[in-house]
């Protein structure tokens, strides 16, 4: 897995480069899916932190409305209370082996 150190615009950021940040090893054969290609998204920190420290990056940020992020599929709200959030994640991992089951509208059984 690779990541860029700056937005991919060599005309503006000539120092752009790809850095190896992880190796992904599979335990089974790779299976492609529309969900994985179109809906699966990971973000490890809020992008506004980058935009504060690097204001010129804001022009490269695509802003999606929540309703547009999943092609109009209604996504239930994730709890805002940290204790309830942890309970949701524990319950989803225990039942579905996936902390994102709520996105697929699976029934969540929180474990407090």
C-alpha atoms as a PDB file:
ATOM      1  CA  UNK A   1       0.000   0.000   0.000  1.00  0.00           C
ATOM      2  CA  UNK A   2       1.350   3.375  -0.970  1.00  0.00           C
ATOM      3  CA  UNK A   3       0.533   6.930   0.094  1.00  0.00           C
ATOM      4  CA  UNK A   4       1.474  10.306  -1.327  1.00  0.00           C
ATOM      5  CA  UNK A   5       3.223  12.913   0.735  1.00  0.00           C
ATOM      6  CA  UNK A   6       1.341  15.759  -1.027  1.00  0.00           C
ATOM      7  CA  UNK A   7      -1.604  15.988  -3.465  1.00  0.00           C
ATOM      8  CA  UNK A   8      -0.944  14.372  -6.844  1.00  0.00           C
ATOM      9  CA  UNK A   9      -0.294  17.520  -8.885  1.00  0.00           C
ATOM     10  CA  UNK A  10       3.362  17.586  -9.993  1.00  0.00           C
ATOM     11  CA  UNK A  11       2.944  21.058 -11.541  1.00  0.00           C
ATOM     12  CA  UNK A  12       2.141  22.506  -8.110  1.00  0.00           C
ATOM     13  CA  UNK A  13       3.922  19.946  -5.906  1.00  0.00           C
ATOM     14  CA  UNK A  14       7.032  18.802  -7.819  1.00  0.00           C
ATOM     15  CA  UNK A  15       8.241  16.878  -4.753  1.00  0.00           C
ATOM     16  CA  UNK A  16       5.278  14.477  -4.918  1.00  0.00           C
ATOM     17  CA  UNK A  17       6.278  10.870  -4.354  1.00  0.00           C
ATOM     18  CA  UNK A  18       4.756   7.573  -3.326  1.00  0.00           C
ATOM     19  CA  UNK A  19       5.856   6.048  -0.033  1.00  0.00           C
ATOM     20  CA  UNK A  20       5.341   2.406   0.861  1.00  0.00           C
ATOM     21  CA  UNK A  21       3.273   2.470   4.054  1.00  0.00           C
ATOM     22  CA  UNK A  22       2.127  -1.157   4.377  1.00  0.00           C
ATOM     23  CA  UNK A  23       2.182  -4.612   2.874  1.00  0.00           C
ATOM     24  CA  UNK A  24      -1.141  -6.390   2.599  1.00  0.00           C
ATOM     25  CA  UNK A  25      -1.124 -10.163   2.917  1.00  0.00           C
ATOM     26  CA  UNK A  26      -4.241 -12.186   2.204  1.00  0.00           C
ATOM     27  CA  UNK A  27      -5.322 -15.329   4.033  1.00  0.00           C
ATOM     28  CA  UNK A  28      -7.504 -16.382   1.102  1.00  0.00           C
ATOM     29  CA  UNK A  29      -7.974 -15.677  -2.587  1.00  0.00           C
ATOM     30  CA  UNK A  30      -8.780 -12.095  -3.478  1.00  0.00           C
ATOM     31  CA  UNK A  31     -12.428 -11.554  -4.411  1.00  0.00           C
ATOM     32  CA  UNK A  32     -13.438  -8.306  -6.083  1.00  0.00           C
ATOM     33  CA  UNK A  33     -16.710  -6.579  -5.280  1.00  0.00           C
ATOM     34  CA  UNK A  34     -18.588  -3.451  -6.225  1.00  0.00           C
ATOM     35  CA  UNK A  35     -18.844  -2.623  -2.515  1.00  0.00           C
ATOM     36  CA  UNK A  36     -15.060  -2.752  -2.138  1.00  0.00           C
ATOM     37  CA  UNK A  37     -14.472  -0.762  -5.310  1.00  0.00           C
ATOM     38  CA  UNK A  38     -17.155   1.883  -4.838  1.00  0.00           C
ATOM     39  CA  UNK A  39     -18.165   2.122  -1.165  1.00  0.00           C
ATOM     40  CA  UNK A  40     -15.328   0.968   1.097  1.00  0.00           C
ATOM     41  CA  UNK A  41     -13.359   3.905   2.442  1.00  0.00           C
ATOM     42  CA  UNK A  42     -10.855   4.293   5.262  1.00  0.00           C
ATOM     43  CA  UNK A  43      -9.781   7.540   6.815  1.00  0.00           C
ATOM     44  CA  UNK A  44      -7.430   7.611   9.780  1.00  0.00           C
ATOM     45  CA  UNK A  45      -7.565  11.273  10.703  1.00  0.00           C
ATOM     46  CA  UNK A  46      -9.844  14.122   9.843  1.00  0.00           C
ATOM     47  CA  UNK A  47      -8.706  15.859   6.652  1.00  0.00           C
ATOM     48  CA  UNK A  48      -9.295  19.316   8.139  1.00  0.00           C
ATOM     49  CA  UNK A  49      -6.116  18.787  10.161  1.00  0.00           C
ATOM     50  CA  UNK A  50      -4.171  18.621   6.887  1.00  0.00           C
ATOM     51  CA  UNK A  51      -6.060  21.594   5.493  1.00  0.00           C
ATOM     52  CA  UNK A  52      -5.133  23.717   8.509  1.00  0.00           C
ATOM     53  CA  UNK A  53      -1.437  22.882   8.249  1.00  0.00           C
ATOM     54  CA  UNK A  54      -1.404  22.869   4.417  1.00  0.00           C
ATOM     55  CA  UNK A  55      -4.139  25.294   3.219  1.00  0.00           C
ATOM     56  CA  UNK A  56      -3.228  24.863  -0.465  1.00  0.00           C
ATOM     57  CA  UNK A  57      -4.331  21.196  -0.239  1.00  0.00           C
ATOM     58  CA  UNK A  58      -7.961  22.238   0.249  1.00  0.00           C
ATOM     59  CA  UNK A  59      -8.399  22.676  -3.517  1.00  0.00           C
ATOM     60  CA  UNK A  60      -7.672  18.944  -3.927  1.00  0.00           C
ATOM     61  CA  UNK A  61     -10.292  17.779  -1.451  1.00  0.00           C
ATOM     62  CA  UNK A  62     -13.509  16.370  -2.874  1.00  0.00           C
ATOM     63  CA  UNK A  63     -16.398  17.064  -0.544  1.00  0.00           C
ATOM     64  CA  UNK A  64     -19.275  14.579  -0.594  1.00  0.00           C
ATOM     65  CA  UNK A  65     -22.575  15.009   1.098  1.00  0.00           C
ATOM     66  CA  UNK A  66     -23.376  12.024   3.341  1.00  0.00           C
ATOM     67  CA  UNK A  67     -26.272  11.013   1.049  1.00  0.00           C
ATOM     68  CA  UNK A  68     -23.920  10.983  -1.977  1.00  0.00           C
ATOM     69  CA  UNK A  69     -21.092   9.006  -0.391  1.00  0.00           C
ATOM     70  CA  UNK A  70     -22.914   5.692  -0.923  1.00  0.00           C
ATOM     71  CA  UNK A  71     -24.763   6.439  -4.179  1.00  0.00           C
ATOM     72  CA  UNK A  72     -27.939   7.491  -2.405  1.00  0.00           C
ATOM     73  CA  UNK A  73     -28.105   4.394  -0.178  1.00  0.00           C
ATOM     74  CA  UNK A  74     -29.495   5.458   3.176  1.00  0.00           C
ATOM     75  CA  UNK A  75     -26.830   4.844   5.836  1.00  0.00           C
ATOM     76  CA  UNK A  76     -27.953   4.730   9.473  1.00  0.00           C
ATOM     77  CA  UNK A  77     -26.366   7.234  11.822  1.00  0.00           C
ATOM     78  CA  UNK A  78     -23.472   5.990  13.945  1.00  0.00           C
ATOM     79  CA  UNK A  79     -23.841   6.830  17.658  1.00  0.00           C
ATOM     80  CA  UNK A  80     -22.135   9.968  18.927  1.00  0.00           C
ATOM     81  CA  UNK A  81     -21.583   8.786  22.501  1.00  0.00           C
ATOM     82  CA  UNK A  82     -18.091   7.202  22.819  1.00  0.00           C
ATOM     83  CA  UNK A  83     -19.309   4.446  25.169  1.00  0.00           C
ATOM     84  CA  UNK A  84     -22.096   3.509  22.754  1.00  0.00           C
ATOM     85  CA  UNK A  85     -19.662   3.677  19.797  1.00  0.00           C
ATOM     86  CA  UNK A  86     -17.366   1.159  21.469  1.00  0.00           C
ATOM     87  CA  UNK A  87     -20.315  -1.075  22.287  1.00  0.00           C
ATOM     88  CA  UNK A  88     -21.441  -0.984  18.638  1.00  0.00           C
ATOM     89  CA  UNK A  89     -17.989  -1.894  17.360  1.00  0.00           C
ATOM     90  CA  UNK A  90     -17.623  -4.744  19.893  1.00  0.00           C
ATOM     91  CA  UNK A  91     -21.066  -6.088  18.981  1.00  0.00           C
ATOM     92  CA  UNK A  92     -20.411  -5.953  15.226  1.00  0.00           C
ATOM     93  CA  UNK A  93     -17.030  -7.641  15.512  1.00  0.00           C
ATOM     94  CA  UNK A  94     -18.495 -10.351  17.757  1.00  0.00           C
ATOM     95  CA  UNK A  95     -21.437 -11.041  15.444  1.00  0.00           C
ATOM     96  CA  UNK A  96     -20.162 -10.226  11.938  1.00  0.00           C
ATOM     97  CA  UNK A  97     -16.349 -10.065  12.299  1.00  0.00           C
ATOM     98  CA  UNK A  98     -16.651  -6.576  10.805  1.00  0.00           C
ATOM     99  CA  UNK A  99     -16.723  -3.212  12.596  1.00  0.00           C
ATOM    100  CA  UNK A 100     -18.586  -1.698   9.617  1.00  0.00           C
ATOM    101  CA  UNK A 101     -21.630  -3.998   9.553  1.00  0.00           C
ATOM    102  CA  UNK A 102     -23.912  -1.075  10.440  1.00  0.00           C
ATOM    103  CA  UNK A 103     -23.065   0.531   7.074  1.00  0.00           C
ATOM    104  CA  UNK A 104     -24.602  -2.514   5.380  1.00  0.00           C
ATOM    105  CA  UNK A 105     -27.741  -2.038   7.488  1.00  0.00           C
ATOM    106  CA  UNK A 106     -27.034  -5.149   9.567  1.00  0.00           C
ATOM    107  CA  UNK A 107     -28.761  -5.266  12.936  1.00  0.00           C
ATOM    108  CA  UNK A 108     -26.345  -4.040  15.582  1.00  0.00           C
ATOM    109  CA  UNK A 109     -26.354  -5.740  18.989  1.00  0.00           C
ATOM    110  CA  UNK A 110     -24.109  -3.526  21.145  1.00  0.00           C
ATOM    111  CA  UNK A 111     -21.912  -5.146  23.763  1.00  0.00           C
ATOM    112  CA  UNK A 112     -21.439  -2.789  26.716  1.00  0.00           C
END
